[in-house]
Protein backbone atom coordinates (compact mmCIF):
# COMPACT_ATOMS: atom_id res chain seq x y z
CA MET A 1 -78.15 190.79 -62.95
CA ALA A 2 -79.59 186.98 -63.28
CA THR A 3 -81.88 187.88 -66.63
CA TYR A 4 -78.78 188.76 -68.56
CA LYS A 5 -77.22 185.52 -67.66
CA SER A 6 -79.82 183.32 -68.76
CA ASN A 7 -80.05 185.42 -72.17
CA ASP A 8 -76.10 185.06 -72.90
CA LEU A 9 -76.55 181.52 -72.05
CA PHE A 10 -78.69 181.02 -74.98
CA LYS A 11 -76.66 183.38 -77.22
CA GLY A 12 -73.78 181.29 -76.60
CA VAL A 13 -75.38 178.20 -77.41
CA GLY A 14 -76.71 179.80 -80.56
CA GLU A 15 -80.36 180.05 -79.41
CA THR A 16 -80.96 183.33 -80.25
CA GLY A 17 -84.63 182.82 -80.66
CA SER A 18 -84.83 181.68 -77.28
CA SER A 19 -82.77 184.87 -75.88
CA PHE A 20 -85.44 186.85 -78.17
CA VAL A 21 -88.80 185.38 -76.11
CA ILE A 22 -87.22 185.69 -73.25
CA ASN A 23 -86.61 189.05 -73.29
CA VAL A 24 -90.32 189.99 -74.95
CA THR A 25 -91.90 187.88 -71.85
CA ARG A 26 -89.86 189.46 -69.37
CA LEU A 27 -91.54 192.63 -70.84
CA TRP A 28 -94.37 192.46 -72.05
CA THR A 29 -96.66 189.51 -70.02
CA LEU A 30 -94.47 190.19 -66.39
CA ARG A 31 -93.02 193.90 -66.53
CA ILE A 32 -95.89 195.36 -67.31
CA PRO A 33 -98.61 194.59 -65.93
CA MET A 34 -96.84 194.28 -62.92
CA LEU A 35 -96.24 197.53 -62.87
CA TYR A 36 -99.71 198.12 -63.83
CA ALA A 37 -100.99 195.99 -60.70
CA PHE A 38 -98.37 197.80 -58.16
CA GLY A 39 -99.51 201.45 -59.18
CA LYS A 40 -102.83 200.58 -59.35
CA TYR A 41 -103.29 198.03 -56.66
CA THR A 42 -101.41 198.70 -53.93
CA ASP A 43 -99.85 201.66 -51.46
CA PHE A 44 -96.10 200.77 -52.42
CA GLY A 45 -95.98 204.07 -54.59
CA PRO A 46 -93.02 204.02 -56.81
CA THR A 47 -91.01 201.87 -54.28
CA GLY A 48 -93.61 199.51 -56.52
CA ILE A 49 -92.13 200.15 -59.70
CA TRP A 50 -88.38 198.86 -58.41
CA ILE A 51 -90.27 195.45 -56.66
CA ALA A 52 -92.22 194.87 -60.04
CA MET A 53 -88.77 195.42 -61.98
CA ILE A 54 -87.15 192.57 -59.40
CA LEU A 55 -89.38 190.24 -59.62
CA SER A 56 -89.57 189.94 -63.79
CA ASN A 57 -86.19 189.63 -63.46
CA VAL A 58 -86.73 187.23 -60.91
CA VAL A 59 -89.21 185.20 -62.61
CA ILE A 60 -87.72 185.09 -65.89
CA TYR A 61 -84.77 183.96 -64.78
CA ILE A 62 -85.95 181.26 -63.44
CA ILE A 63 -88.27 180.16 -66.64
CA GLY A 64 -85.21 180.38 -68.70
CA GLN A 65 -83.17 178.12 -66.68
CA ILE A 66 -86.00 175.49 -66.49
CA TRP A 67 -85.61 176.44 -70.61
CA PHE A 68 -82.38 175.60 -71.08
CA GLU A 69 -82.23 172.53 -68.47
CA ILE A 70 -85.74 171.11 -70.83
CA LEU A 71 -83.87 172.29 -74.43
CA PHE A 72 -80.20 170.51 -73.05
CA ARG A 73 -81.64 167.33 -71.57
CA ARG A 74 -83.69 166.68 -75.43
CA ASN A 75 -80.10 167.27 -77.08
CA THR A 76 -81.12 170.08 -78.80
CA ILE A 77 -78.69 172.59 -77.47
CA SER A 78 -75.50 170.09 -76.75
CA THR A 79 -74.97 168.59 -80.48
CA LYS A 80 -75.79 172.00 -81.85
CA GLN A 81 -72.65 172.89 -84.33
CA ILE A 82 -71.76 176.65 -84.12
CA THR A 83 -70.40 178.17 -86.35
């Protein structure tokens, strides 16, 4: 899944804090509100749950890739020594 690629990318370069923030953001600020909104304000039924889960993964993947690019261009990732 795309979200895990983004998380593993951060973990692989030693940015575990960024991976944690991505996971928390995906669940608490994206997925749960989307689940509520799709369940309460649409007629999708159980399909709305799956739509919300897919959308939260896609959105956080895009955010994660942008975040990684910003950190990489600032040289906070490329010059970091991993022990």
